[in-house]
C-alpha cells in the first residue's frame, strides 16, 4: 500500500474506533457481532 493509498483509505472511512480502522485496512474477516475492545476512557 502506498502512502497515498493508506491516507485515502483512512480518510474514506471517516471517524471510527482505531481497532475497526485497523481491521478494515488489513482486510480482517470480522463477524457481524464483532465488538471493539478499545476504550477512550477507563470506565
PDB file of N, CA and C in Angstrom:
ATOM      1  N   UNK A   1       0.859  -1.174   0.000  1.00  0.00           N
ATOM      2  CA  UNK A   1       0.000   0.000   0.000  1.00  0.00           C
ATOM      3  C   UNK A   1       0.905   1.235   0.000  1.00  0.00           C
ATOM      4  N   UNK A   2       0.676   2.130  -0.920  1.00  0.00           N
ATOM      5  CA  UNK A   2       1.470   3.358  -0.968  1.00  0.00           C
ATOM      6  C   UNK A   2       0.978   4.323   0.118  1.00  0.00           C
ATOM      7  N   UNK A   3       1.750   5.369   0.369  1.00  0.00           N
ATOM      8  CA  UNK A   3       1.317   6.382   1.330  1.00  0.00           C
ATOM      9  C   UNK A   3      -0.013   7.005   0.913  1.00  0.00           C
ATOM     10  N   UNK A   4      -0.149   7.281  -0.376  1.00  0.00           N
ATOM     11  CA  UNK A   4      -1.394   7.876  -0.871  1.00  0.00           C
ATOM     12  C   UNK A   4      -2.569   6.926  -0.664  1.00  0.00           C
ATOM     13  N   UNK A   5      -2.391   5.652  -0.985  1.00  0.00           N
ATOM     14  CA  UNK A   5      -3.466   4.672  -0.790  1.00  0.00           C
ATOM     15  C   UNK A   5      -3.830   4.564   0.687  1.00  0.00           C
ATOM     16  N   UNK A   6      -2.826   4.567   1.555  1.00  0.00           N
ATOM     17  CA  UNK A   6      -3.049   4.485   3.001  1.00  0.00           C
ATOM     18  C   UNK A   6      -3.875   5.679   3.494  1.00  0.00           C
ATOM     19  N   UNK A   7      -3.455   6.868   3.155  1.00  0.00           N
ATOM     20  CA  UNK A   7      -4.160   8.072   3.611  1.00  0.00           C
ATOM     21  C   UNK A   7      -5.551   8.189   2.987  1.00  0.00           C
ATOM     22  N   UNK A   8      -5.693   7.821   1.744  1.00  0.00           N
ATOM     23  CA  UNK A   8      -7.013   7.833   1.107  1.00  0.00           C
ATOM     24  C   UNK A   8      -7.957   6.849   1.803  1.00  0.00           C
ATOM     25  N   UNK A   9      -7.432   5.680   2.168  1.00  0.00           N
ATOM     26  CA  UNK A   9      -8.260   4.672   2.853  1.00  0.00           C
ATOM     27  C   UNK A   9      -8.720   5.180   4.215  1.00  0.00           C
ATOM     28  N   UNK A  10      -7.835   5.836   4.955  1.00  0.00           N
ATOM     29  CA  UNK A  10      -8.203   6.365   6.276  1.00  0.00           C
ATOM     30  C   UNK A  10      -9.247   7.465   6.130  1.00  0.00           C
ATOM     31  N   UNK A  11      -9.036   8.385   5.193  1.00  0.00           N
ATOM     32  CA  UNK A  11      -9.997   9.471   5.005  1.00  0.00           C
ATOM     33  C   UNK A  11     -11.341   8.953   4.508  1.00  0.00           C
ATOM     34  N   UNK A  12     -11.330   7.915   3.713  1.00  0.00           N
ATOM     35  CA  UNK A  12     -12.568   7.334   3.185  1.00  0.00           C
ATOM     36  C   UNK A  12     -13.417   6.731   4.306  1.00  0.00           C
ATOM     37  N   UNK A  13     -12.777   6.194   5.351  1.00  0.00           N
ATOM     38  CA  UNK A  13     -13.502   5.541   6.440  1.00  0.00           C
ATOM     39  C   UNK A  13     -14.070   6.540   7.447  1.00  0.00           C
ATOM     40  N   UNK A  14     -13.637   7.781   7.409  1.00  0.00           N
ATOM     41  CA  UNK A  14     -14.151   8.846   8.267  1.00  0.00           C
ATOM     42  C   UNK A  14     -13.765   8.626   9.726  1.00  0.00           C
ATOM     43  N   UNK A  15     -14.693   8.723  10.632  1.00  0.00           N
ATOM     44  CA  UNK A  15     -14.400   8.656  12.062  1.00  0.00           C
ATOM     45  C   UNK A  15     -14.932   7.357  12.655  1.00  0.00           C
ATOM     46  N   UNK A  16     -14.009   6.535  13.176  1.00  0.00           N
ATOM     47  CA  UNK A  16     -14.404   5.276  13.795  1.00  0.00           C
ATOM     48  C   UNK A  16     -13.295   4.833  14.739  1.00  0.00           C
ATOM     49  N   UNK A  17     -13.571   3.877  15.604  1.00  0.00           N
ATOM     50  CA  UNK A  17     -12.521   3.398  16.520  1.00  0.00           C
ATOM     51  C   UNK A  17     -11.306   2.882  15.744  1.00  0.00           C
ATOM     52  N   UNK A  18     -10.128   3.111  16.296  1.00  0.00           N
ATOM     53  CA  UNK A  18      -8.889   2.707  15.629  1.00  0.00           C
ATOM     54  C   UNK A  18      -8.841   1.209  15.366  1.00  0.00           C
ATOM     55  N   UNK A  19      -9.387   0.426  16.271  1.00  0.00           N
ATOM     56  CA  UNK A  19      -9.393  -1.021  16.093  1.00  0.00           C
ATOM     57  C   UNK A  19     -10.185  -1.429  14.842  1.00  0.00           C
ATOM     58  N   UNK A  20     -11.290  -0.761  14.586  1.00  0.00           N
ATOM     59  CA  UNK A  20     -12.082  -1.040  13.392  1.00  0.00           C
ATOM     60  C   UNK A  20     -11.340  -0.594  12.131  1.00  0.00           C
ATOM     61  N   UNK A  21     -10.708   0.568  12.196  1.00  0.00           N
ATOM     62  CA  UNK A  21      -9.946   1.068  11.050  1.00  0.00           C
ATOM     63  C   UNK A  21      -8.807   0.108  10.713  1.00  0.00           C
ATOM     64  N   UNK A  22      -8.107  -0.377  11.738  1.00  0.00           N
ATOM     65  CA  UNK A  22      -7.015  -1.332  11.528  1.00  0.00           C
ATOM     66  C   UNK A  22      -7.546  -2.611  10.865  1.00  0.00           C
ATOM     67  N   UNK A  23      -8.698  -3.097  11.299  1.00  0.00           N
ATOM     68  CA  UNK A  23      -9.291  -4.309  10.724  1.00  0.00           C
ATOM     69  C   UNK A  23      -9.631  -4.107   9.254  1.00  0.00           C
ATOM     70  N   UNK A  24     -10.155  -2.944   8.915  1.00  0.00           N
ATOM     71  CA  UNK A  24     -10.507  -2.654   7.521  1.00  0.00           C
ATOM     72  C   UNK A  24      -9.260  -2.568   6.649  1.00  0.00           C
ATOM     73  N   UNK A  25      -8.245  -1.863   7.125  1.00  0.00           N
ATOM     74  CA  UNK A  25      -7.027  -1.673   6.328  1.00  0.00           C
ATOM     75  C   UNK A  25      -6.241  -2.965   6.144  1.00  0.00           C
ATOM     76  N   UNK A  26      -6.353  -3.895   7.092  1.00  0.00           N
ATOM     77  CA  UNK A  26      -5.629  -5.165   6.984  1.00  0.00           C
ATOM     78  C   UNK A  26      -6.514  -6.286   6.455  1.00  0.00           C
ATOM     79  N   UNK A  27      -7.721  -5.934   6.013  1.00  0.00           N
ATOM     80  CA  UNK A  27      -8.655  -6.904   5.422  1.00  0.00           C
ATOM     81  C   UNK A  27      -8.984  -8.071   6.347  1.00  0.00           C
ATOM     82  N   UNK A  28      -9.137  -7.792   7.634  1.00  0.00           N
ATOM     83  CA  UNK A  28      -9.519  -8.840   8.574  1.00  0.00           C
ATOM     84  C   UNK A  28     -10.965  -9.248   8.323  1.00  0.00           C
ATOM     85  N   UNK A  29     -11.237 -10.512   8.497  1.00  0.00           N
ATOM     86  CA  UNK A  29     -12.588 -11.030   8.324  1.00  0.00           C
ATOM     87  C   UNK A  29     -13.326 -10.890   9.658  1.00  0.00           C
ATOM     88  N   UNK A  30     -14.249  -9.924   9.758  1.00  0.00           N
ATOM     89  CA  UNK A  30     -14.953  -9.657  11.006  1.00  0.00           C
ATOM     90  C   UNK A  30     -16.350 -10.272  10.983  1.00  0.00           C
ATOM     91  N   UNK A  31     -16.761 -10.767  12.143  1.00  0.00           N
ATOM     92  CA  UNK A  31     -18.110 -11.315  12.280  1.00  0.00           C
ATOM     93  C   UNK A  31     -19.095 -10.180  12.531  1.00  0.00           C
ATOM     94  N   UNK A  32     -20.382 -10.441  12.299  1.00  0.00           N
ATOM     95  CA  UNK A  32     -21.407  -9.412  12.493  1.00  0.00           C
ATOM     96  C   UNK A  32     -21.463  -8.910  13.924  1.00  0.00           C
ATOM     97  N   UNK A  33     -21.154  -9.765  14.898  1.00  0.00           N
ATOM     98  CA  UNK A  33     -21.238  -9.370  16.311  1.00  0.00           C
ATOM     99  C   UNK A  33     -19.893  -8.875  16.864  1.00  0.00           C
ATOM    100  N   UNK A  34     -18.951  -8.517  15.987  1.00  0.00           N
ATOM    101  CA  UNK A  34     -17.639  -8.022  16.412  1.00  0.00           C
ATOM    102  C   UNK A  34     -17.793  -6.746  17.231  1.00  0.00           C
ATOM    103  N   UNK A  35     -17.102  -6.699  18.363  1.00  0.00           N
ATOM    104  CA  UNK A  35     -17.105  -5.502  19.206  1.00  0.00           C
ATOM    105  C   UNK A  35     -15.661  -5.118  19.489  1.00  0.00           C
ATOM    106  N   UNK A  36     -15.393  -3.847  19.428  1.00  0.00           N
ATOM    107  CA  UNK A  36     -14.037  -3.388  19.706  1.00  0.00           C
ATOM    108  C   UNK A  36     -13.762  -3.440  21.204  1.00  0.00           C
ATOM    109  N   UNK A  37     -12.503  -3.582  21.548  1.00  0.00           N
ATOM    110  CA  UNK A  37     -12.080  -3.582  22.953  1.00  0.00           C
ATOM    111  C   UNK A  37     -11.440  -2.265  23.337  1.00  0.00           C
ATOM    112  N   UNK A  38     -11.232  -1.413  22.352  1.00  0.00           N
ATOM    113  CA  UNK A  38     -10.541  -0.155  22.573  1.00  0.00           C
ATOM    114  C   UNK A  38     -11.455   0.843  23.248  1.00  0.00           C
ATOM    115  N   UNK A  39     -10.974   1.520  24.282  1.00  0.00           N
ATOM    116  CA  UNK A  39     -11.775   2.489  25.029  1.00  0.00           C
ATOM    117  C   UNK A  39     -11.079   3.862  25.013  1.00  0.00           C
ATOM    118  N   UNK A  40     -11.879   4.918  25.064  1.00  0.00           N
ATOM    119  CA  UNK A  40     -11.341   6.274  25.139  1.00  0.00           C
ATOM    120  C   UNK A  40     -11.078   6.694  26.582  1.00  0.00           C
ATOM    121  N   UNK A  41     -11.665   5.961  27.534  1.00  0.00           N
ATOM    122  CA  UNK A  41     -11.524   6.319  28.935  1.00  0.00           C
ATOM    123  C   UNK A  41     -11.625   5.052  29.775  1.00  0.00           C
ATOM    124  N   UNK A  42     -11.320   5.138  31.067  1.00  0.00           N
ATOM    125  CA  UNK A  42     -11.291   3.975  31.967  1.00  0.00           C
ATOM    126  C   UNK A  42     -12.579   3.858  32.761  1.00  0.00           C
ATOM    127  N   UNK A  43     -13.657   3.435  32.146  1.00  0.00           N
ATOM    128  CA  UNK A  43     -14.919   3.209  32.863  1.00  0.00           C
ATOM    129  C   UNK A  43     -15.398   1.819  32.647  1.00  0.00           C
TER     130      UNK A  43
END
